[in-house]
Every structure is written in C-alpha cells, then in structure tokens.
C-alpha cells in the first residue's frame, strides 16, 4: 500500500483572487470582515424596508373609514335628533309614582331567590 507523498501543495494563480485573499484574512480580522458587513446589511435593510412598510399601512388606512357615532349605532338619516332636555321633560311628564315591582319568571327548577 502506498503512502501519501510529502509534496507541498503549490499555490495556483487563483490564490490571488479576491475570495482567496478574503479567506486568508478572515481568521485574522473576523469582526471587520464578517461581523461588520453583516450588521451593515441588517441596518441598511431596516432603512430600505421602512418606506415599504409605511406604504403598506397607508394603503390599509385608506380602506378604513371613520364613522360618526350615529352611523356606528346604526341610526339612519330619517331618525329624529335626541335632545337631552327634551327627553328629560318627556320622561318627567310621565307619572313615575304609580309603578309596581314585578318579579321575573324563573325557569323550571331554578331557584327564585326567596328564602
């Protein structure tokens, strides 16, 4: 069985390429050659995506309409306007002293709350 020869690997012309020089320098300066560009890409991406995200939310805001309180309550335009003073006097005109307390009917088997 034959063993490996002790000849050293001769560098070729491609060892002076940008990639080869980067691989040789990376163990000496890992943050400068790997960490800093990585953080730079993350920060630049954040600034690049900010306008795109703003456009997304602006488009969503255009779809959402602001409703008045009457529209939200489902009142149409043909409804009468409510005036607090008018409602007070209308209710005060009723005879509120002549009323009777009535108990609510209970379901079968439900306690009526009487002791």
Protein backbone atom coordinates (compact mmCIF):
# COMPACT_ATOMS: atom_id res chain seq x y z
CA UNK A 1 0.00 0.00 0.00
CA UNK A 2 1.30 3.34 -0.97
CA UNK A 3 1.50 6.33 1.42
CA UNK A 4 0.90 9.96 0.66
CA UNK A 5 3.83 11.89 -0.66
CA UNK A 6 5.22 14.76 1.34
CA UNK A 7 5.00 17.22 -1.53
CA UNK A 8 3.53 20.55 -0.57
CA UNK A 9 0.59 21.99 -2.44
CA UNK A 10 1.79 24.61 -4.88
CA UNK A 11 -0.39 27.68 -4.97
CA UNK A 12 -2.01 28.34 -8.27
CA UNK A 13 -2.89 31.60 -9.95
CA UNK A 14 -6.37 31.51 -8.39
CA UNK A 15 -4.90 32.01 -4.90
CA UNK A 16 -4.53 35.70 -5.61
CA UNK A 17 -8.23 36.04 -6.32
CA UNK A 18 -10.46 38.16 -4.10
CA UNK A 19 -12.04 35.09 -2.47
CA UNK A 20 -8.71 33.52 -1.60
CA UNK A 21 -7.39 36.73 -0.06
CA UNK A 22 -10.64 37.08 1.91
CA UNK A 23 -10.34 33.52 3.27
CA UNK A 24 -6.76 34.12 4.32
CA UNK A 25 -7.56 37.41 6.11
CA UNK A 26 -10.79 36.21 7.77
CA UNK A 27 -9.14 34.39 10.73
CA UNK A 28 -7.02 37.49 11.47
CA UNK A 29 -9.89 40.04 11.42
CA UNK A 30 -13.21 38.19 11.84
CA UNK A 31 -15.34 41.12 13.03
CA UNK A 32 -14.05 43.55 10.44
CA UNK A 33 -14.51 41.14 7.53
CA UNK A 34 -17.65 39.25 8.62
CA UNK A 35 -19.41 40.89 11.56
CA UNK A 36 -19.34 44.49 10.39
CA UNK A 37 -20.69 43.76 6.88
CA UNK A 38 -23.39 41.53 8.41
CA UNK A 39 -24.54 44.27 10.80
CA UNK A 40 -24.35 46.79 7.94
CA UNK A 41 -26.66 44.69 5.78
CA UNK A 42 -29.16 44.34 8.66
CA UNK A 43 -29.21 48.11 9.33
CA UNK A 44 -29.40 49.02 5.63
CA UNK A 45 -32.24 46.53 5.16
CA UNK A 46 -34.11 48.14 8.02
CA UNK A 47 -33.85 51.58 6.42
CA UNK A 48 -34.76 50.15 3.00
CA UNK A 49 -37.87 48.36 4.31
CA UNK A 50 -39.21 51.33 6.33
CA UNK A 51 -40.82 53.11 3.32
CA UNK A 52 -42.29 49.83 2.08
CA UNK A 53 -43.89 49.19 5.47
CA UNK A 54 -45.20 52.75 5.61
CA UNK A 55 -46.84 52.28 2.19
CA UNK A 56 -48.49 49.11 3.43
CA UNK A 57 -50.04 50.84 6.44
CA UNK A 58 -51.10 53.89 4.40
CA UNK A 59 -52.91 51.61 1.95
CA UNK A 60 -54.67 49.92 4.87
CA UNK A 61 -55.65 53.30 6.35
CA UNK A 62 -57.25 54.36 3.07
CA UNK A 63 -59.55 51.32 3.23
CA UNK A 64 -60.68 52.05 6.79
CA UNK A 65 -63.30 54.79 7.03
CA UNK A 66 -64.05 56.91 10.03
CA UNK A 67 -67.66 56.53 11.16
CA UNK A 68 -69.69 59.07 13.04
CA UNK A 69 -71.26 57.98 16.31
CA UNK A 70 -74.71 57.84 14.71
CA UNK A 71 -73.52 55.64 11.84
CA UNK A 72 -71.80 53.31 14.28
CA UNK A 73 -75.03 52.94 16.24
CA UNK A 74 -76.88 52.12 13.03
CA UNK A 75 -79.10 55.18 13.01
CA UNK A 76 -80.28 56.34 9.63
CA UNK A 77 -80.79 59.89 8.44
CA UNK A 78 -84.55 59.64 8.94
CA UNK A 79 -84.19 59.27 12.73
CA UNK A 80 -85.15 62.15 14.96
CA UNK A 81 -82.45 64.04 16.78
CA UNK A 82 -82.28 63.46 20.53
CA UNK A 83 -82.10 66.43 22.83
CA UNK A 84 -81.27 65.69 26.47
CA UNK A 85 -83.53 68.43 27.89
CA UNK A 86 -86.43 67.34 25.74
CA UNK A 87 -86.01 63.72 26.82
CA UNK A 88 -85.83 64.76 30.47
CA UNK A 89 -89.07 66.71 30.31
CA UNK A 90 -90.78 63.94 28.32
CA UNK A 91 -89.88 61.35 30.96
CA UNK A 92 -90.68 63.73 33.83
CA UNK A 93 -94.18 64.23 32.43
CA UNK A 94 -94.94 60.55 32.95
CA UNK A 95 -96.36 59.51 36.29
CA UNK A 96 -93.47 57.58 37.82
CA UNK A 97 -95.01 57.27 41.29
CA UNK A 98 -97.57 54.69 40.20
CA UNK A 99 -95.49 51.63 39.41
CA UNK A 100 -95.41 48.07 40.59
CA UNK A 101 -92.37 45.91 41.20
CA UNK A 102 -92.75 42.66 39.21
CA UNK A 103 -90.60 39.57 39.62
CA UNK A 104 -89.18 37.88 36.57
CA UNK A 105 -90.48 34.39 35.87
CA UNK A 106 -87.87 31.75 36.61
CA UNK A 107 -87.13 28.67 34.56
CA UNK A 108 -88.35 25.31 35.78
CA UNK A 109 -86.13 24.05 38.60
CA UNK A 110 -84.35 27.38 39.02
CA UNK A 111 -84.31 28.96 42.47
CA UNK A 112 -86.47 32.06 42.70
CA UNK A 113 -84.27 33.63 45.37
CA UNK A 114 -86.95 33.72 48.06
CA UNK A 115 -85.96 32.48 51.48
